[in-house]
Amino acid sequence: MVFTKAYAPSSVCGPSRASILFGQNTGRSPFRGNTGRKGIYSDYAIPENLTTFVEVLKDSGYNTTLIGKWGFGGHDSVPPSHPLDKGFDSFYGLLTHEDSHVFFPHRIHDNSKENNNYEANVRLPENNLATAARCSSSSNGCSFIHDLLTTRAVTYIQERTSQQNPFFLFLSYTTPHVGSWKPEKEGSRLSFAERVRKIAPDAVCPNSMWVPTGALRIDACRHKAAITNYLDRDIGTILDTLEENGLSESTVILFAADNGPNGNININVNKQRRKVHDLRTFNSTSGQRGGKRTLFEGGLRTPFIVQWKGHIKPGSVSESLVSLVDLFATFADLAQADIDRSKVDSLSLVPVFKGLETELEREYLHFEYCDQQSLRWNDIKKNPSSLCSWAIVKKDGYKLQYNHKEKRTYLFNLRTDPSEKNSLHRPQRIVNMRALYQSSHFPLEEVGYHGQTVKG
């Protein structure tokens, strides 16, 4: 089933992933922006009063694992916020946001609740001298993070085949996020061109493909190939593994992204910066306005595809207004678990999967984004509208958005103007939709945020 009106909770990764975990939209969640960089990245710890859907599944008898990116602190955070503290039985991956921006990490966490080893990690000495020349040679054996995650996911599925209790695998890839060769505090950031040549050395680049003025055609192609060669190939590997181990019929598989595409990736050519990935190069937003870090449709809309053999009709399409926030209630429903629905903004998608409903009983979605939430916290407290944008998207297609950078409010009819080209002047509708925003907006301090971060 393909969802054509699916939204990520935010236009950047941190708040989006947090909202997915505990089922609250970004008007209620204490996570409304990435921290903002100050020397090194800092992550937020998940507050104790917020329950993750992983904890719900764990309490329902599921074995749970996270493979890939985390980004919400560790066991020594206050409060403890390691994946094993938040419902996962095991974790193999990158603990911090900073770690997750590295293609060839020097170490990777390998932790399990059973062994009580929250901090154990595996060293990857083959990546200590990661460079374009060295890693482009297969004989040197550099370990690309995406390959490591796929290998572990396949192993986990194979191990679960002989177990009786159900399992939940959260495979959180970092591809195709922009990254660096080395941990940023250990080495310099090399150009995107150098980084991506190892990942996609055989890109096919048709002359008909549009690229930005000044961009190198081969490197633009390699960026695209980094997505198709790895994500497409390895998702196929996961599906094949489920099929080979007799799990395909009993497994619900969901694919989505946590925010819109990034369109500001540059490379260095003869000491001049040239853009390699323009949003138009591969029609990354299908013509929708904006991208990552904006609340236009290009920053919020996400691909969302679900397979559930025997329950979802093959090739089916849903136009229901959905958010990845809905995964919380959906997973609880699948596990037949009770949840306190007053504490979440999540609706179960199971009736839509089964064809019992075509639309969720939802009138609108609420989005908020506070730029550099931690770094600029004092400014946000004084004047939220100076750094926080918000949007309301209604089921009838109308969208009201306040853009903090432009200090401007937009009203769009997405049914007739999906690319958000024409802002409408309809005062009463703006008043009514602003009232919806006010009724579902919780100030950050009211939900317990006071500028906390956890050093990465």
Foldseek 3Di string as FASTA:
>chain_A
DWAPQEWQLALDFQVSVVLLFQFARCLQDLDFAAQDDDPHGWAAADDPVGAGLLQLVVVLFAAEEEFEEDAHAACPDVPHHQVVVRRHQWYWYADHPLQLQAFQEQKIDTDGPVVPCRPDIDGQVLLPPDWLVQLLDVVSPGDTSLVVRLVVLLVVLLVCLPPDTHYYYHRDYSPPPHHASYRVVVDPRAWSQSVLCSQQVPFDFDPPQDWDPPADRVSLRSSVCSCCVRVVVSVVVSCVSCVVSVNNQPDKDKDKDNWADDAAGWGADPNDTDGSHHCPRVVRQVLADDGRPDPTSRTIDMTMDMDHPPQADPPDYAHENYYSSQVSVQSCVVSVHDDDCVVHPHDHCSCVRNVVDRYDPDFKGKHKHFYSCQVCVVVCVVPVLQGMKMKIAGPQQWMWIQDNVVRDIFIDRCVVCVRRPDGDDDVVVNVVVVVVSVVSGDPSVRSPDDNDTHGD
